[in-house]
N, C-alpha and C. Protein backbone atom coordinates (compact mmCIF):
# COMPACT_ATOMS: atom_id res chain seq x y z
N UNK A 1 37.70 -2.92 37.84
CA UNK A 1 36.69 -3.49 36.97
C UNK A 1 36.31 -2.45 35.91
N UNK A 2 36.32 -2.89 34.67
CA UNK A 2 36.01 -1.99 33.56
C UNK A 2 34.53 -2.12 33.22
N UNK A 3 33.86 -0.98 33.07
CA UNK A 3 32.46 -1.02 32.67
C UNK A 3 32.39 -1.05 31.15
N UNK A 4 31.43 -1.78 30.65
CA UNK A 4 31.25 -1.86 29.21
C UNK A 4 30.08 -0.98 28.81
N UNK A 5 30.25 -0.31 27.70
CA UNK A 5 29.20 0.58 27.22
C UNK A 5 29.11 0.50 25.71
N UNK A 6 27.94 0.81 25.25
CA UNK A 6 27.78 0.98 23.81
C UNK A 6 28.15 2.43 23.51
N UNK A 7 29.01 2.61 22.55
CA UNK A 7 29.51 3.96 22.26
C UNK A 7 28.45 4.81 21.58
N UNK A 8 28.79 6.05 21.36
CA UNK A 8 27.88 6.97 20.68
C UNK A 8 27.91 6.76 19.17
N UNK A 9 28.66 5.76 18.70
CA UNK A 9 28.74 5.49 17.27
C UNK A 9 27.58 4.60 16.81
N UNK A 10 26.45 4.73 17.42
CA UNK A 10 25.30 3.92 17.02
C UNK A 10 24.47 4.69 16.00
N UNK A 11 23.93 3.96 15.06
CA UNK A 11 23.16 4.62 14.00
C UNK A 11 22.22 3.64 13.32
N UNK A 12 21.19 4.19 12.70
CA UNK A 12 20.28 3.44 11.84
C UNK A 12 20.54 3.90 10.40
N UNK A 13 20.61 2.95 9.49
CA UNK A 13 20.76 3.26 8.07
C UNK A 13 19.53 2.73 7.36
N UNK A 14 18.92 3.59 6.53
CA UNK A 14 17.67 3.25 5.86
C UNK A 14 17.86 2.43 4.60
N UNK A 15 16.76 2.08 3.95
CA UNK A 15 16.79 1.20 2.77
C UNK A 15 17.57 1.77 1.58
N UNK A 16 17.70 3.08 1.51
CA UNK A 16 18.42 3.69 0.39
C UNK A 16 19.87 4.01 0.76
N UNK A 17 20.31 3.50 1.92
CA UNK A 17 21.68 3.74 2.36
C UNK A 17 21.86 5.06 3.09
N UNK A 18 20.77 5.75 3.34
CA UNK A 18 20.83 7.05 4.02
C UNK A 18 20.82 6.87 5.53
N UNK A 19 21.52 7.75 6.21
CA UNK A 19 21.54 7.75 7.67
C UNK A 19 20.20 8.27 8.16
N UNK A 20 19.54 7.52 9.03
CA UNK A 20 18.24 7.91 9.56
C UNK A 20 18.49 8.62 10.88
N UNK A 21 18.13 9.90 10.95
CA UNK A 21 18.42 10.70 12.14
C UNK A 21 17.14 11.22 12.77
N UNK A 22 17.24 11.56 14.05
CA UNK A 22 16.09 12.04 14.81
C UNK A 22 15.54 13.36 14.32
N UNK A 23 16.42 14.27 13.92
CA UNK A 23 15.95 15.58 13.50
C UNK A 23 15.25 15.52 12.14
N UNK A 24 15.62 14.55 11.31
CA UNK A 24 15.02 14.47 9.98
C UNK A 24 14.24 13.19 9.76
N UNK A 25 14.17 12.35 10.75
CA UNK A 25 13.50 11.06 10.55
C UNK A 25 12.99 10.47 11.83
N UNK A 26 12.69 9.19 11.80
CA UNK A 26 11.97 8.54 12.90
C UNK A 26 12.87 7.91 13.98
N UNK A 27 13.84 8.64 14.51
CA UNK A 27 14.74 8.09 15.53
C UNK A 27 14.41 8.70 16.89
N UNK A 28 14.45 7.87 17.92
CA UNK A 28 14.25 8.36 19.28
C UNK A 28 15.17 7.58 20.20
N UNK A 29 15.81 8.27 21.13
CA UNK A 29 16.68 7.61 22.10
C UNK A 29 15.84 7.28 23.32
N UNK A 30 15.87 6.01 23.73
CA UNK A 30 15.07 5.59 24.89
C UNK A 30 15.76 6.01 26.18
N UNK A 31 15.02 5.92 27.29
CA UNK A 31 15.58 6.27 28.60
C UNK A 31 16.74 5.35 28.96
N UNK A 32 16.69 4.13 28.47
CA UNK A 32 17.76 3.16 28.76
C UNK A 32 18.96 3.35 27.83
N UNK A 33 18.88 4.32 26.94
CA UNK A 33 19.99 4.59 26.03
C UNK A 33 19.91 3.87 24.71
N UNK A 34 18.83 3.13 24.47
CA UNK A 34 18.68 2.44 23.19
C UNK A 34 18.31 3.41 22.09
N UNK A 35 18.57 3.01 20.88
CA UNK A 35 18.25 3.84 19.72
C UNK A 35 17.02 3.24 19.04
N UNK A 36 15.87 3.86 19.23
CA UNK A 36 14.60 3.32 18.73
C UNK A 36 14.29 3.86 17.35
N UNK A 37 13.81 3.00 16.48
CA UNK A 37 13.35 3.40 15.16
C UNK A 37 11.83 3.45 15.22
N UNK A 38 11.26 4.65 15.10
CA UNK A 38 9.82 4.82 15.24
C UNK A 38 9.29 5.63 14.06
N UNK A 39 8.08 5.32 13.63
CA UNK A 39 7.45 6.03 12.52
C UNK A 39 6.11 6.56 12.99
N UNK A 40 5.87 7.86 12.83
CA UNK A 40 4.58 8.41 13.25
C UNK A 40 3.56 8.35 12.11
N UNK A 41 3.97 8.60 10.89
CA UNK A 41 3.07 8.51 9.74
C UNK A 41 3.80 7.86 8.57
N UNK A 42 4.05 6.55 8.66
CA UNK A 42 4.81 5.90 7.59
C UNK A 42 4.01 5.81 6.30
N UNK A 43 4.72 5.75 5.20
CA UNK A 43 4.12 5.52 3.89
C UNK A 43 4.73 4.25 3.31
N UNK A 44 4.19 3.79 2.21
CA UNK A 44 4.74 2.59 1.58
C UNK A 44 6.18 2.81 1.15
N UNK A 45 6.56 4.06 0.88
CA UNK A 45 7.94 4.37 0.48
C UNK A 45 8.92 4.17 1.63
N UNK A 46 8.43 4.11 2.87
CA UNK A 46 9.30 3.86 4.03
C UNK A 46 9.62 2.38 4.19
N UNK A 47 9.01 1.51 3.41
CA UNK A 47 9.28 0.07 3.49
C UNK A 47 10.71 -0.22 3.04
N UNK A 48 11.30 -1.25 3.64
CA UNK A 48 12.64 -1.67 3.22
C UNK A 48 13.45 -2.20 4.38
N UNK A 49 14.73 -2.43 4.13
CA UNK A 49 15.65 -2.95 5.14
C UNK A 49 16.32 -1.81 5.89
N UNK A 50 16.21 -1.85 7.20
CA UNK A 50 16.87 -0.88 8.07
C UNK A 50 17.93 -1.61 8.87
N UNK A 51 19.12 -1.03 8.97
CA UNK A 51 20.22 -1.65 9.69
C UNK A 51 20.69 -0.74 10.81
N UNK A 52 20.88 -1.33 11.98
CA UNK A 52 21.36 -0.61 13.14
C UNK A 52 22.77 -1.10 13.44
N UNK A 53 23.67 -0.16 13.69
CA UNK A 53 25.04 -0.55 14.05
C UNK A 53 25.48 0.26 15.26
N UNK A 54 26.37 -0.33 16.03
CA UNK A 54 26.92 0.32 17.23
C UNK A 54 28.26 -0.34 17.53
N UNK A 55 28.96 0.23 18.48
CA UNK A 55 30.22 -0.37 18.95
C UNK A 55 30.05 -0.67 20.42
N UNK A 56 30.29 -1.92 20.80
CA UNK A 56 30.21 -2.37 22.19
C UNK A 56 31.64 -2.63 22.63
N UNK A 57 32.16 -1.80 23.56
CA UNK A 57 33.60 -1.76 23.87
C UNK A 57 34.32 -1.48 22.55
N UNK A 58 34.99 -2.45 22.00
CA UNK A 58 35.64 -2.23 20.70
C UNK A 58 35.02 -3.10 19.61
N UNK A 59 34.03 -3.90 19.98
CA UNK A 59 33.42 -4.83 19.03
C UNK A 59 32.25 -4.18 18.29
N UNK A 60 32.27 -4.24 16.96
CA UNK A 60 31.12 -3.70 16.21
C UNK A 60 29.92 -4.64 16.33
N UNK A 61 28.75 -4.04 16.46
CA UNK A 61 27.49 -4.78 16.52
C UNK A 61 26.60 -4.31 15.37
N UNK A 62 25.94 -5.25 14.73
CA UNK A 62 25.04 -4.91 13.63
C UNK A 62 23.80 -5.79 13.69
N UNK A 63 22.69 -5.20 13.40
CA UNK A 63 21.45 -5.97 13.27
C UNK A 63 20.57 -5.24 12.27
N UNK A 64 19.62 -5.94 11.73
CA UNK A 64 18.74 -5.32 10.75
C UNK A 64 17.31 -5.79 10.89
N UNK A 65 16.44 -5.06 10.26
CA UNK A 65 15.02 -5.40 10.27
C UNK A 65 14.44 -5.03 8.90
N UNK A 66 13.56 -5.89 8.41
CA UNK A 66 12.86 -5.63 7.15
C UNK A 66 11.46 -5.13 7.51
N UNK A 67 11.13 -3.90 7.13
CA UNK A 67 9.83 -3.32 7.44
C UNK A 67 9.00 -3.20 6.17
N UNK A 68 7.73 -3.58 6.27
CA UNK A 68 6.81 -3.42 5.15
C UNK A 68 5.60 -2.65 5.67
N UNK A 69 5.32 -1.52 5.05
CA UNK A 69 4.16 -0.72 5.41
C UNK A 69 3.11 -0.91 4.32
N UNK A 70 1.90 -1.28 4.73
CA UNK A 70 0.83 -1.55 3.79
C UNK A 70 -0.07 -0.33 3.66
N UNK A 71 -0.68 -0.19 2.49
CA UNK A 71 -1.65 0.88 2.25
C UNK A 71 -3.01 0.22 2.10
N UNK A 72 -3.99 0.71 2.82
CA UNK A 72 -5.35 0.19 2.69
C UNK A 72 -5.84 0.37 1.25
N UNK A 73 -6.78 -0.45 0.87
CA UNK A 73 -7.40 -0.30 -0.45
C UNK A 73 -8.20 0.99 -0.45
N UNK A 74 -7.95 1.82 -1.44
CA UNK A 74 -8.73 3.04 -1.59
C UNK A 74 -9.27 3.11 -3.01
N UNK A 75 -10.50 3.53 -3.13
CA UNK A 75 -11.13 3.72 -4.43
C UNK A 75 -11.08 5.20 -4.75
N UNK A 76 -10.54 5.53 -5.90
CA UNK A 76 -10.43 6.92 -6.32
C UNK A 76 -11.22 7.10 -7.61
N UNK A 77 -11.87 8.22 -7.72
CA UNK A 77 -12.63 8.51 -8.93
C UNK A 77 -13.63 7.40 -9.22
N UNK A 78 -14.45 7.07 -8.20
CA UNK A 78 -15.42 5.98 -8.31
C UNK A 78 -16.82 6.46 -7.95
N UNK A 79 -17.43 7.26 -8.79
CA UNK A 79 -18.79 7.69 -8.45
C UNK A 79 -19.72 6.49 -8.38
N UNK A 80 -20.65 6.51 -7.42
CA UNK A 80 -21.56 5.37 -7.25
C UNK A 80 -22.58 5.31 -8.38
N UNK A 81 -22.81 6.41 -9.07
CA UNK A 81 -23.71 6.39 -10.23
C UNK A 81 -22.91 6.84 -11.44
N UNK A 82 -22.83 5.93 -12.41
CA UNK A 82 -22.16 6.22 -13.68
C UNK A 82 -23.14 5.88 -14.79
N UNK A 83 -23.20 6.71 -15.82
CA UNK A 83 -24.22 6.54 -16.87
C UNK A 83 -23.59 6.16 -18.20
N UNK A 84 -24.33 5.35 -18.94
CA UNK A 84 -23.99 5.00 -20.32
C UNK A 84 -25.17 5.40 -21.20
N UNK A 85 -24.89 5.79 -22.43
CA UNK A 85 -25.95 6.13 -23.38
C UNK A 85 -26.28 4.87 -24.17
N UNK A 86 -27.57 4.53 -24.23
CA UNK A 86 -28.02 3.31 -24.92
C UNK A 86 -27.62 3.38 -26.39
N UNK A 87 -27.18 2.22 -26.90
CA UNK A 87 -26.74 2.02 -28.28
C UNK A 87 -25.40 2.70 -28.61
N UNK A 88 -24.65 3.10 -27.59
CA UNK A 88 -23.31 3.65 -27.83
C UNK A 88 -22.32 2.91 -26.94
N UNK A 89 -21.05 3.05 -27.29
CA UNK A 89 -19.99 2.47 -26.47
C UNK A 89 -19.70 3.41 -25.31
N UNK A 90 -19.33 2.86 -24.18
CA UNK A 90 -19.02 3.68 -23.01
C UNK A 90 -18.14 2.95 -22.03
N UNK A 91 -17.85 3.63 -20.93
CA UNK A 91 -16.97 3.06 -19.91
C UNK A 91 -17.56 3.26 -18.52
N UNK A 92 -17.31 2.28 -17.66
CA UNK A 92 -17.59 2.39 -16.23
C UNK A 92 -16.25 2.17 -15.56
N UNK A 93 -15.88 3.05 -14.64
CA UNK A 93 -14.54 2.91 -14.09
C UNK A 93 -14.44 3.17 -12.61
N UNK A 94 -13.36 2.67 -12.06
CA UNK A 94 -13.02 2.90 -10.66
C UNK A 94 -11.53 2.63 -10.52
N UNK A 95 -10.78 3.63 -10.15
CA UNK A 95 -9.33 3.46 -9.95
C UNK A 95 -9.09 3.05 -8.50
N UNK A 96 -8.32 1.99 -8.33
CA UNK A 96 -8.07 1.41 -7.01
C UNK A 96 -6.58 1.44 -6.73
N UNK A 97 -6.21 1.85 -5.51
CA UNK A 97 -4.80 1.77 -5.14
C UNK A 97 -4.68 1.05 -3.80
N UNK A 98 -3.57 0.32 -3.65
CA UNK A 98 -3.30 -0.43 -2.43
C UNK A 98 -1.86 -0.93 -2.47
N UNK A 99 -1.33 -1.25 -1.33
CA UNK A 99 -0.03 -1.91 -1.24
C UNK A 99 -0.16 -3.02 -0.21
N UNK A 100 -0.04 -4.30 -0.59
CA UNK A 100 0.31 -4.77 -1.92
C UNK A 100 -0.78 -4.42 -2.93
N UNK A 101 -0.41 -4.40 -4.22
CA UNK A 101 -1.37 -4.00 -5.25
C UNK A 101 -2.65 -4.84 -5.18
N UNK A 102 -3.75 -4.19 -5.46
CA UNK A 102 -5.06 -4.86 -5.41
C UNK A 102 -5.37 -5.51 -6.75
N UNK A 103 -6.01 -6.65 -6.70
CA UNK A 103 -6.57 -7.29 -7.89
C UNK A 103 -8.03 -6.87 -7.95
N UNK A 104 -8.55 -6.72 -9.14
CA UNK A 104 -9.92 -6.24 -9.31
C UNK A 104 -10.72 -7.25 -10.11
N UNK A 105 -11.93 -7.55 -9.67
CA UNK A 105 -12.86 -8.33 -10.48
C UNK A 105 -14.15 -7.54 -10.62
N UNK A 106 -14.79 -7.69 -11.76
CA UNK A 106 -16.05 -7.01 -12.04
C UNK A 106 -17.13 -8.07 -12.22
N UNK A 107 -18.31 -7.82 -11.62
CA UNK A 107 -19.43 -8.75 -11.75
C UNK A 107 -20.71 -7.95 -11.99
N UNK A 108 -21.66 -8.60 -12.63
CA UNK A 108 -22.99 -8.02 -12.83
C UNK A 108 -23.99 -9.02 -12.29
N UNK A 109 -24.78 -8.61 -11.33
CA UNK A 109 -25.76 -9.49 -10.68
C UNK A 109 -25.10 -10.78 -10.19
N UNK A 110 -23.96 -10.65 -9.55
CA UNK A 110 -23.19 -11.76 -8.97
C UNK A 110 -22.68 -12.77 -10.01
N UNK A 111 -22.63 -12.40 -11.26
CA UNK A 111 -22.15 -13.29 -12.33
C UNK A 111 -20.99 -12.62 -13.05
N UNK A 112 -20.14 -13.47 -13.64
CA UNK A 112 -19.05 -12.94 -14.46
C UNK A 112 -19.67 -12.19 -15.64
N UNK A 113 -19.07 -11.09 -16.02
CA UNK A 113 -19.62 -10.26 -17.09
C UNK A 113 -19.57 -10.97 -18.44
N UNK A 114 -20.60 -10.76 -19.28
CA UNK A 114 -20.59 -11.34 -20.63
C UNK A 114 -19.45 -10.77 -21.48
N UNK A 115 -19.19 -11.43 -22.61
CA UNK A 115 -18.07 -11.05 -23.47
C UNK A 115 -18.16 -9.64 -24.04
N UNK A 116 -19.35 -9.08 -24.13
CA UNK A 116 -19.43 -7.74 -24.71
C UNK A 116 -18.88 -6.66 -23.79
N UNK A 117 -18.58 -7.03 -22.55
CA UNK A 117 -17.90 -6.12 -21.63
C UNK A 117 -16.40 -6.39 -21.75
N UNK A 118 -15.63 -5.39 -22.01
CA UNK A 118 -14.18 -5.53 -22.10
C UNK A 118 -13.59 -4.99 -20.80
N UNK A 119 -12.98 -5.88 -20.02
CA UNK A 119 -12.46 -5.49 -18.71
C UNK A 119 -10.99 -5.11 -18.84
N UNK A 120 -10.66 -3.91 -18.40
CA UNK A 120 -9.28 -3.43 -18.40
C UNK A 120 -8.93 -2.96 -17.00
N UNK A 121 -8.81 -3.89 -16.08
CA UNK A 121 -8.45 -3.68 -14.68
C UNK A 121 -9.33 -2.65 -13.98
N UNK A 122 -9.10 -1.34 -14.19
CA UNK A 122 -9.86 -0.35 -13.42
C UNK A 122 -11.05 0.23 -14.17
N UNK A 123 -11.41 -0.36 -15.32
CA UNK A 123 -12.61 0.10 -16.01
C UNK A 123 -13.19 -1.01 -16.87
N UNK A 124 -14.45 -0.84 -17.21
CA UNK A 124 -15.14 -1.76 -18.11
C UNK A 124 -15.54 -0.96 -19.34
N UNK A 125 -15.21 -1.48 -20.51
CA UNK A 125 -15.68 -0.88 -21.75
C UNK A 125 -16.92 -1.66 -22.17
N UNK A 126 -18.01 -0.94 -22.40
CA UNK A 126 -19.27 -1.56 -22.79
C UNK A 126 -19.52 -1.19 -24.25
N UNK A 127 -19.66 -2.20 -25.09
CA UNK A 127 -19.95 -1.93 -26.51
C UNK A 127 -21.45 -2.02 -26.73
N UNK A 128 -22.00 -1.00 -27.35
CA UNK A 128 -23.43 -0.97 -27.64
C UNK A 128 -24.29 -1.14 -26.41
N UNK A 129 -24.21 -0.19 -25.49
CA UNK A 129 -24.95 -0.28 -24.23
C UNK A 129 -26.44 -0.49 -24.49
N UNK A 130 -27.04 -1.36 -23.67
CA UNK A 130 -28.48 -1.61 -23.74
C UNK A 130 -29.07 -1.33 -22.37
N UNK A 131 -30.40 -1.40 -22.29
CA UNK A 131 -31.05 -1.11 -21.01
C UNK A 131 -30.71 -2.15 -19.95
N UNK A 132 -30.22 -3.34 -20.34
CA UNK A 132 -29.87 -4.35 -19.33
C UNK A 132 -28.64 -3.94 -18.52
N UNK A 133 -27.85 -3.02 -19.02
CA UNK A 133 -26.66 -2.56 -18.28
C UNK A 133 -27.09 -1.82 -17.02
N UNK A 134 -28.36 -1.42 -16.96
CA UNK A 134 -28.87 -0.67 -15.83
C UNK A 134 -28.78 -1.43 -14.52
N UNK A 135 -28.57 -2.72 -14.58
CA UNK A 135 -28.44 -3.52 -13.36
C UNK A 135 -27.20 -3.12 -12.57
N UNK A 136 -27.12 -3.61 -11.35
CA UNK A 136 -25.95 -3.33 -10.52
C UNK A 136 -24.71 -4.01 -11.05
N UNK A 137 -23.62 -3.27 -11.05
CA UNK A 137 -22.31 -3.83 -11.40
C UNK A 137 -21.44 -3.67 -10.17
N UNK A 138 -20.75 -4.73 -9.80
CA UNK A 138 -19.95 -4.75 -8.58
C UNK A 138 -18.47 -4.82 -8.94
N UNK A 139 -17.70 -3.96 -8.31
CA UNK A 139 -16.24 -3.99 -8.45
C UNK A 139 -15.68 -4.47 -7.12
N UNK A 140 -15.02 -5.62 -7.13
CA UNK A 140 -14.38 -6.13 -5.92
C UNK A 140 -12.88 -5.97 -6.06
N UNK A 141 -12.24 -5.53 -4.98
CA UNK A 141 -10.79 -5.39 -4.98
C UNK A 141 -10.24 -6.17 -3.81
N UNK A 142 -9.10 -6.79 -4.01
CA UNK A 142 -8.44 -7.45 -2.90
C UNK A 142 -6.95 -7.50 -3.17
N UNK A 143 -6.21 -7.56 -2.09
CA UNK A 143 -4.78 -7.80 -2.17
C UNK A 143 -4.50 -8.92 -1.18
N UNK A 144 -3.25 -9.26 -1.00
CA UNK A 144 -2.96 -10.37 -0.10
C UNK A 144 -3.26 -10.01 1.35
N UNK A 145 -3.48 -8.74 1.66
CA UNK A 145 -3.73 -8.31 3.03
C UNK A 145 -5.10 -7.65 3.23
N UNK A 146 -5.74 -7.17 2.16
CA UNK A 146 -6.90 -6.30 2.31
C UNK A 146 -8.02 -6.72 1.36
N UNK A 147 -9.26 -6.36 1.69
CA UNK A 147 -10.37 -6.67 0.80
C UNK A 147 -11.41 -5.56 0.88
N UNK A 148 -12.04 -5.26 -0.25
CA UNK A 148 -13.03 -4.20 -0.29
C UNK A 148 -13.94 -4.44 -1.50
N UNK A 149 -15.09 -3.80 -1.52
CA UNK A 149 -15.93 -3.88 -2.72
C UNK A 149 -16.74 -2.60 -2.86
N UNK A 150 -17.15 -2.32 -4.08
CA UNK A 150 -17.92 -1.12 -4.39
C UNK A 150 -19.05 -1.55 -5.31
N UNK A 151 -20.27 -1.15 -5.00
CA UNK A 151 -21.43 -1.57 -5.77
C UNK A 151 -22.03 -0.36 -6.49
N UNK A 152 -22.37 -0.52 -7.78
CA UNK A 152 -23.03 0.55 -8.53
C UNK A 152 -24.44 0.17 -8.83
């Protein structure tokens, strides 16, 4: 009786066509002899198609998996207090990053901003600031997976 085994020709190939190895990447051999693909600190750049191949007796085996790593919404350079000088043009801003990309909406007192506010995704341009701008302005961010908001 012949025993069947998976040969040592098993490997994982990453999304860029590179061989994913244990010494330089997220590979671990299980006690049962399987080749596990594991990530301890994945980034969005690790997303993509991974393919595993091996030889069973003389038959080639292939399988693949599509991995997507998401990044939480983070607000960068978003001080909670931002100042404008009355009767001058100015900006209020907050840079947001996320994967999938976040959409941003700006509101003032729970209402859509008037036309004198020019919204450019991560900042608001205010023409001729007045004392009414002193009210709270809310920046809401969301993506298909995440949601967050920041209040000024």
